[in-house]
């Protein structure tokens, strides 16, 4: 059972790296000469291409982790895990890639409330 839990979370982490790049990467990539000249349509297509890889990891994570497929998590638990993983990946990208941005105490308090949501969703 632990193997499915770990595999599910690892796949969600990889999926969320691609998701974060698809959703926000173009804001950083705009610093590159050729990308800055790309129009909105080209940027959408590039982001869509990155999102394809997100789904290549997200769908198997949900199939492996879903309770009714023999996994350890309910659909609600999968969604909450995905949101927390997304928040962690986003925060790391924000701090280490978008270095001009910062996490403030208000952000951290808000994230803390989301982690409390995880506690309540998983509480039996």
N, C-alpha and C. Protein backbone atom coordinates (compact mmCIF):
# COMPACT_ATOMS: atom_id res chain seq x y z
N UNK A 1 0.82 -1.20 0.00
CA UNK A 1 0.00 0.00 0.00
C UNK A 1 0.87 1.26 0.00
N UNK A 2 1.96 1.26 0.75
CA UNK A 2 2.84 2.42 0.81
C UNK A 2 3.44 2.73 -0.55
N UNK A 3 3.70 1.69 -1.33
CA UNK A 3 4.27 1.90 -2.65
C UNK A 3 3.32 2.71 -3.53
N UNK A 4 2.04 2.38 -3.51
CA UNK A 4 1.05 3.13 -4.30
C UNK A 4 0.92 4.56 -3.78
N UNK A 5 1.02 4.73 -2.47
CA UNK A 5 0.96 6.09 -1.91
C UNK A 5 2.14 6.92 -2.41
N UNK A 6 3.33 6.36 -2.28
CA UNK A 6 4.53 7.08 -2.68
C UNK A 6 4.56 7.34 -4.18
N UNK A 7 4.20 6.34 -4.97
CA UNK A 7 4.17 6.50 -6.42
C UNK A 7 3.17 7.57 -6.82
N UNK A 8 2.01 7.56 -6.20
CA UNK A 8 0.99 8.56 -6.50
C UNK A 8 1.51 9.97 -6.22
N UNK A 9 2.10 10.16 -5.06
CA UNK A 9 2.61 11.49 -4.69
C UNK A 9 3.76 11.90 -5.61
N UNK A 10 4.66 10.98 -5.92
CA UNK A 10 5.78 11.31 -6.82
C UNK A 10 5.29 11.71 -8.21
N UNK A 11 4.31 10.98 -8.73
CA UNK A 11 3.74 11.32 -10.03
C UNK A 11 3.05 12.69 -9.98
N UNK A 12 2.40 12.97 -8.86
CA UNK A 12 1.76 14.28 -8.71
C UNK A 12 2.79 15.40 -8.65
N UNK A 13 3.93 15.15 -8.03
CA UNK A 13 4.99 16.16 -7.97
C UNK A 13 5.48 16.46 -9.38
N UNK A 14 5.80 15.42 -10.15
CA UNK A 14 6.29 15.63 -11.52
C UNK A 14 5.22 16.34 -12.35
N UNK A 15 3.98 15.90 -12.21
CA UNK A 15 2.87 16.53 -12.94
C UNK A 15 2.79 18.01 -12.62
N UNK A 16 2.94 18.35 -11.36
CA UNK A 16 2.82 19.75 -10.96
C UNK A 16 4.00 20.60 -11.38
N UNK A 17 5.16 20.00 -11.56
CA UNK A 17 6.28 20.76 -12.13
C UNK A 17 5.92 21.19 -13.54
N UNK A 18 5.40 20.26 -14.35
CA UNK A 18 4.98 20.61 -15.70
C UNK A 18 3.83 21.61 -15.69
N UNK A 19 2.88 21.42 -14.77
CA UNK A 19 1.75 22.34 -14.68
C UNK A 19 2.22 23.75 -14.36
N UNK A 20 3.13 23.87 -13.41
CA UNK A 20 3.62 25.18 -13.02
C UNK A 20 4.37 25.83 -14.18
N UNK A 21 5.17 25.04 -14.89
CA UNK A 21 5.86 25.58 -16.06
C UNK A 21 4.87 26.00 -17.14
N UNK A 22 3.83 25.21 -17.35
CA UNK A 22 2.83 25.54 -18.36
C UNK A 22 2.07 26.81 -17.99
N UNK A 23 1.71 26.95 -16.72
CA UNK A 23 0.89 28.08 -16.31
C UNK A 23 1.70 29.36 -16.09
N UNK A 24 2.90 29.22 -15.53
CA UNK A 24 3.66 30.41 -15.13
C UNK A 24 5.03 30.53 -15.78
N UNK A 25 5.51 29.46 -16.36
CA UNK A 25 6.85 29.47 -16.94
C UNK A 25 7.02 30.53 -18.01
N UNK A 26 5.99 30.76 -18.80
CA UNK A 26 6.09 31.74 -19.88
C UNK A 26 6.41 33.13 -19.35
N UNK A 27 6.07 33.40 -18.10
CA UNK A 27 6.39 34.70 -17.51
C UNK A 27 7.90 34.85 -17.31
N UNK A 28 8.57 33.74 -17.01
CA UNK A 28 10.03 33.75 -16.86
C UNK A 28 10.70 33.60 -18.22
N UNK A 29 10.12 32.72 -19.06
CA UNK A 29 10.71 32.48 -20.37
C UNK A 29 10.71 33.75 -21.22
N UNK A 30 9.83 34.69 -20.90
CA UNK A 30 9.76 35.95 -21.65
C UNK A 30 11.07 36.73 -21.56
N UNK A 31 11.90 36.38 -20.59
CA UNK A 31 13.21 37.03 -20.47
C UNK A 31 14.17 36.56 -21.56
N UNK A 32 13.86 35.43 -22.19
CA UNK A 32 14.69 34.91 -23.27
C UNK A 32 14.32 35.65 -24.55
N UNK A 33 15.30 35.99 -25.34
CA UNK A 33 15.07 36.78 -26.54
C UNK A 33 14.02 36.21 -27.47
N UNK A 34 14.18 34.98 -27.91
CA UNK A 34 13.26 34.41 -28.89
C UNK A 34 11.85 34.24 -28.33
N UNK A 35 11.77 33.91 -27.05
CA UNK A 35 10.46 33.69 -26.43
C UNK A 35 9.73 35.01 -26.24
N UNK A 36 10.47 36.07 -25.94
CA UNK A 36 9.86 37.38 -25.74
C UNK A 36 9.19 37.86 -27.02
N UNK A 37 9.70 37.44 -28.17
CA UNK A 37 9.13 37.85 -29.45
C UNK A 37 7.96 36.96 -29.88
N UNK A 38 7.77 35.85 -29.20
CA UNK A 38 6.66 34.95 -29.54
C UNK A 38 5.34 35.63 -29.19
N UNK A 39 4.40 35.48 -30.04
CA UNK A 39 3.08 36.07 -29.80
C UNK A 39 2.30 35.25 -28.78
N UNK A 40 1.14 35.76 -28.44
CA UNK A 40 0.30 35.10 -27.46
C UNK A 40 -0.10 33.70 -27.93
N UNK A 41 -0.44 33.56 -29.20
CA UNK A 41 -0.86 32.26 -29.73
C UNK A 41 0.27 31.24 -29.59
N UNK A 42 1.49 31.63 -29.94
CA UNK A 42 2.65 30.72 -29.81
C UNK A 42 2.89 30.37 -28.35
N UNK A 43 2.74 31.34 -27.47
CA UNK A 43 2.93 31.09 -26.04
C UNK A 43 1.89 30.11 -25.53
N UNK A 44 0.65 30.26 -25.97
CA UNK A 44 -0.41 29.33 -25.57
C UNK A 44 -0.08 27.92 -26.06
N UNK A 45 0.37 27.80 -27.30
CA UNK A 45 0.72 26.48 -27.84
C UNK A 45 1.88 25.83 -27.08
N UNK A 46 2.87 26.62 -26.73
CA UNK A 46 4.01 26.09 -25.96
C UNK A 46 3.52 25.64 -24.58
N UNK A 47 2.70 26.47 -23.94
CA UNK A 47 2.16 26.10 -22.62
C UNK A 47 1.28 24.86 -22.73
N UNK A 48 0.53 24.76 -23.77
CA UNK A 48 -0.33 23.60 -24.00
C UNK A 48 0.53 22.34 -24.17
N UNK A 49 1.65 22.49 -24.89
CA UNK A 49 2.58 21.36 -25.04
C UNK A 49 3.15 20.90 -23.71
N UNK A 50 3.48 21.84 -22.85
CA UNK A 50 3.96 21.49 -21.51
C UNK A 50 2.86 20.83 -20.69
N UNK A 51 1.63 21.31 -20.85
CA UNK A 51 0.50 20.75 -20.11
C UNK A 51 0.24 19.30 -20.52
N UNK A 52 0.58 18.95 -21.75
CA UNK A 52 0.44 17.55 -22.19
C UNK A 52 1.22 16.63 -21.25
N UNK A 53 2.45 17.04 -20.91
CA UNK A 53 3.27 16.22 -20.02
C UNK A 53 2.72 16.20 -18.60
N UNK A 54 2.09 17.30 -18.21
CA UNK A 54 1.41 17.31 -16.91
C UNK A 54 0.40 16.17 -16.86
N UNK A 55 -0.41 16.06 -17.89
CA UNK A 55 -1.44 15.03 -17.93
C UNK A 55 -0.84 13.63 -18.02
N UNK A 56 0.31 13.51 -18.65
CA UNK A 56 0.98 12.20 -18.74
C UNK A 56 1.34 11.65 -17.36
N UNK A 57 1.47 12.52 -16.38
CA UNK A 57 1.78 12.10 -15.01
C UNK A 57 0.55 12.18 -14.09
N UNK A 58 -0.30 13.17 -14.32
CA UNK A 58 -1.48 13.36 -13.48
C UNK A 58 -2.47 12.21 -13.61
N UNK A 59 -2.76 11.80 -14.83
CA UNK A 59 -3.75 10.74 -15.04
C UNK A 59 -3.28 9.42 -14.42
N UNK A 60 -2.04 8.98 -14.66
CA UNK A 60 -1.60 7.75 -13.98
C UNK A 60 -1.59 7.88 -12.45
N UNK A 61 -1.23 9.05 -11.95
CA UNK A 61 -1.23 9.25 -10.50
C UNK A 61 -2.63 9.01 -9.93
N UNK A 62 -3.62 9.57 -10.59
CA UNK A 62 -4.99 9.41 -10.11
C UNK A 62 -5.48 7.97 -10.28
N UNK A 63 -5.10 7.33 -11.37
CA UNK A 63 -5.52 5.93 -11.57
C UNK A 63 -4.87 5.01 -10.54
N UNK A 64 -3.59 5.21 -10.28
CA UNK A 64 -2.86 4.37 -9.33
C UNK A 64 -3.33 4.63 -7.90
N UNK A 65 -3.58 5.90 -7.60
CA UNK A 65 -3.92 6.28 -6.22
C UNK A 65 -5.37 6.14 -5.84
N UNK A 66 -6.26 6.01 -6.84
CA UNK A 66 -7.69 6.02 -6.56
C UNK A 66 -8.14 4.75 -5.86
N UNK A 67 -8.89 4.90 -4.80
CA UNK A 67 -9.36 3.81 -3.95
C UNK A 67 -10.07 2.71 -4.75
N UNK A 68 -10.92 3.10 -5.66
CA UNK A 68 -11.70 2.11 -6.42
C UNK A 68 -10.88 1.39 -7.48
N UNK A 69 -9.64 1.83 -7.69
CA UNK A 69 -8.71 1.12 -8.57
C UNK A 69 -7.67 0.35 -7.76
N UNK A 70 -7.92 0.18 -6.48
CA UNK A 70 -6.98 -0.53 -5.62
C UNK A 70 -5.97 0.37 -4.94
N UNK A 71 -6.11 1.69 -5.13
CA UNK A 71 -5.20 2.64 -4.51
C UNK A 71 -5.61 2.99 -3.10
N UNK A 72 -4.82 3.82 -2.45
CA UNK A 72 -5.07 4.15 -1.05
C UNK A 72 -5.93 5.40 -0.80
N UNK A 73 -6.28 6.15 -1.87
CA UNK A 73 -6.90 7.46 -1.66
C UNK A 73 -8.28 7.57 -2.29
N UNK A 74 -9.17 8.30 -1.59
CA UNK A 74 -10.46 8.65 -2.18
C UNK A 74 -10.23 9.77 -3.19
N UNK A 75 -11.25 10.07 -3.96
CA UNK A 75 -11.12 11.14 -4.94
C UNK A 75 -10.87 12.49 -4.25
N UNK A 76 -11.54 12.73 -3.15
CA UNK A 76 -11.34 13.98 -2.40
C UNK A 76 -9.91 14.05 -1.87
N UNK A 77 -9.41 12.96 -1.35
CA UNK A 77 -8.03 12.94 -0.84
C UNK A 77 -7.03 13.19 -1.97
N UNK A 78 -7.27 12.59 -3.14
CA UNK A 78 -6.38 12.82 -4.29
C UNK A 78 -6.36 14.30 -4.66
N UNK A 79 -7.52 14.93 -4.66
CA UNK A 79 -7.60 16.35 -5.02
C UNK A 79 -6.87 17.21 -4.01
N UNK A 80 -7.04 16.92 -2.74
CA UNK A 80 -6.38 17.71 -1.70
C UNK A 80 -4.86 17.52 -1.77
N UNK A 81 -4.41 16.28 -1.99
CA UNK A 81 -2.97 16.03 -2.14
C UNK A 81 -2.44 16.82 -3.32
N UNK A 82 -3.18 16.79 -4.43
CA UNK A 82 -2.74 17.50 -5.63
C UNK A 82 -2.62 19.00 -5.36
N UNK A 83 -3.57 19.56 -4.64
CA UNK A 83 -3.53 20.99 -4.35
C UNK A 83 -2.34 21.36 -3.46
N UNK A 84 -2.07 20.54 -2.48
CA UNK A 84 -0.93 20.82 -1.59
C UNK A 84 0.38 20.67 -2.35
N UNK A 85 0.50 19.61 -3.14
CA UNK A 85 1.71 19.43 -3.96
C UNK A 85 1.86 20.63 -4.90
N UNK A 86 0.77 21.04 -5.51
CA UNK A 86 0.80 22.19 -6.41
C UNK A 86 1.30 23.44 -5.69
N UNK A 87 0.82 23.65 -4.49
CA UNK A 87 1.22 24.80 -3.70
C UNK A 87 2.71 24.75 -3.34
N UNK A 88 3.19 23.58 -2.98
CA UNK A 88 4.61 23.42 -2.64
C UNK A 88 5.49 23.65 -3.86
N UNK A 89 5.12 23.02 -4.99
CA UNK A 89 5.91 23.20 -6.21
C UNK A 89 5.89 24.66 -6.64
N UNK A 90 4.72 25.28 -6.61
CA UNK A 90 4.60 26.69 -6.98
C UNK A 90 5.49 27.56 -6.08
N UNK A 91 5.46 27.29 -4.78
CA UNK A 91 6.27 28.08 -3.84
C UNK A 91 7.76 27.94 -4.13
N UNK A 92 8.19 26.72 -4.42
CA UNK A 92 9.61 26.51 -4.74
C UNK A 92 10.00 27.22 -6.03
N UNK A 93 9.15 27.15 -7.04
CA UNK A 93 9.42 27.86 -8.29
C UNK A 93 9.43 29.36 -8.05
N UNK A 94 8.51 29.85 -7.27
CA UNK A 94 8.45 31.28 -6.96
C UNK A 94 9.74 31.76 -6.31
N UNK A 95 10.24 31.01 -5.34
CA UNK A 95 11.42 31.42 -4.59
C UNK A 95 12.71 31.22 -5.39
N UNK A 96 12.83 30.09 -6.10
CA UNK A 96 14.09 29.76 -6.75
C UNK A 96 14.18 30.16 -8.22
N UNK A 97 13.07 30.33 -8.89
CA UNK A 97 13.10 30.72 -10.30
C UNK A 97 12.73 32.19 -10.46
N UNK A 98 11.63 32.60 -9.84
CA UNK A 98 11.21 34.00 -9.89
C UNK A 98 11.77 34.70 -8.65
N UNK A 99 13.03 34.95 -8.66
CA UNK A 99 13.71 35.43 -7.46
C UNK A 99 13.28 36.83 -7.02
N UNK A 100 12.61 37.55 -7.90
CA UNK A 100 12.16 38.90 -7.55
C UNK A 100 10.88 38.85 -6.70
N UNK A 101 10.24 37.69 -6.69
CA UNK A 101 9.02 37.50 -5.90
C UNK A 101 9.42 36.95 -4.53
N UNK A 102 8.56 37.14 -3.58
CA UNK A 102 8.85 36.59 -2.25
C UNK A 102 7.57 36.10 -1.60
N UNK A 103 7.73 35.18 -0.70
CA UNK A 103 6.61 34.70 0.10
C UNK A 103 6.55 35.54 1.37
N UNK A 104 5.40 36.10 1.64
CA UNK A 104 5.24 36.92 2.84
C UNK A 104 4.58 36.10 3.93
N UNK A 105 4.53 36.66 5.10
CA UNK A 105 3.89 35.98 6.22
C UNK A 105 2.41 35.68 5.91
N UNK A 106 1.75 36.60 5.24
CA UNK A 106 0.34 36.37 4.86
C UNK A 106 0.22 35.14 3.96
N UNK A 107 1.15 35.00 3.03
CA UNK A 107 1.14 33.81 2.16
C UNK A 107 1.32 32.55 2.99
N UNK A 108 2.29 32.57 3.88
CA UNK A 108 2.57 31.38 4.70
C UNK A 108 1.38 31.03 5.60
N UNK A 109 0.72 32.04 6.14
CA UNK A 109 -0.46 31.78 6.98
C UNK A 109 -1.57 31.15 6.12
N UNK A 110 -1.77 31.69 4.93
CA UNK A 110 -2.76 31.13 4.03
C UNK A 110 -2.44 29.69 3.67
N UNK A 111 -1.17 29.41 3.40
CA UNK A 111 -0.76 28.03 3.10
C UNK A 111 -1.00 27.13 4.30
N UNK A 112 -0.76 27.67 5.48
CA UNK A 112 -1.01 26.90 6.70
C UNK A 112 -2.48 26.49 6.82
N UNK A 113 -3.37 27.39 6.46
CA UNK A 113 -4.79 27.05 6.48
C UNK A 113 -5.12 25.96 5.47
N UNK A 114 -4.45 25.99 4.32
CA UNK A 114 -4.67 24.92 3.33
C UNK A 114 -4.16 23.58 3.85
N UNK A 115 -3.07 23.61 4.59
CA UNK A 115 -2.56 22.37 5.17
C UNK A 115 -3.52 21.87 6.26
N UNK A 116 -4.14 22.79 6.99
CA UNK A 116 -5.18 22.38 7.93
C UNK A 116 -6.34 21.70 7.21
N UNK A 117 -6.64 22.16 6.00
CA UNK A 117 -7.68 21.52 5.19
C UNK A 117 -7.32 20.06 4.93
N UNK A 118 -6.05 19.81 4.66
CA UNK A 118 -5.59 18.43 4.44
C UNK A 118 -5.85 17.60 5.68
N UNK A 119 -5.53 18.15 6.82
CA UNK A 119 -5.75 17.44 8.08
C UNK A 119 -7.22 17.04 8.22
N UNK A 120 -8.12 17.98 7.96
CA UNK A 120 -9.54 17.70 8.13
C UNK A 120 -10.08 16.73 7.08
N UNK A 121 -9.56 16.81 5.87
CA UNK A 121 -10.01 15.87 4.82
C UNK A 121 -9.58 14.45 5.15
N UNK A 122 -8.38 14.28 5.69
CA UNK A 122 -7.87 12.94 5.98
C UNK A 122 -8.28 12.42 7.36
N UNK A 123 -8.84 13.29 8.20
CA UNK A 123 -9.25 12.88 9.54
C UNK A 123 -10.41 11.89 9.43
N UNK A 124 -10.27 10.77 10.06
CA UNK A 124 -11.32 9.73 10.03
C UNK A 124 -12.31 9.94 11.14
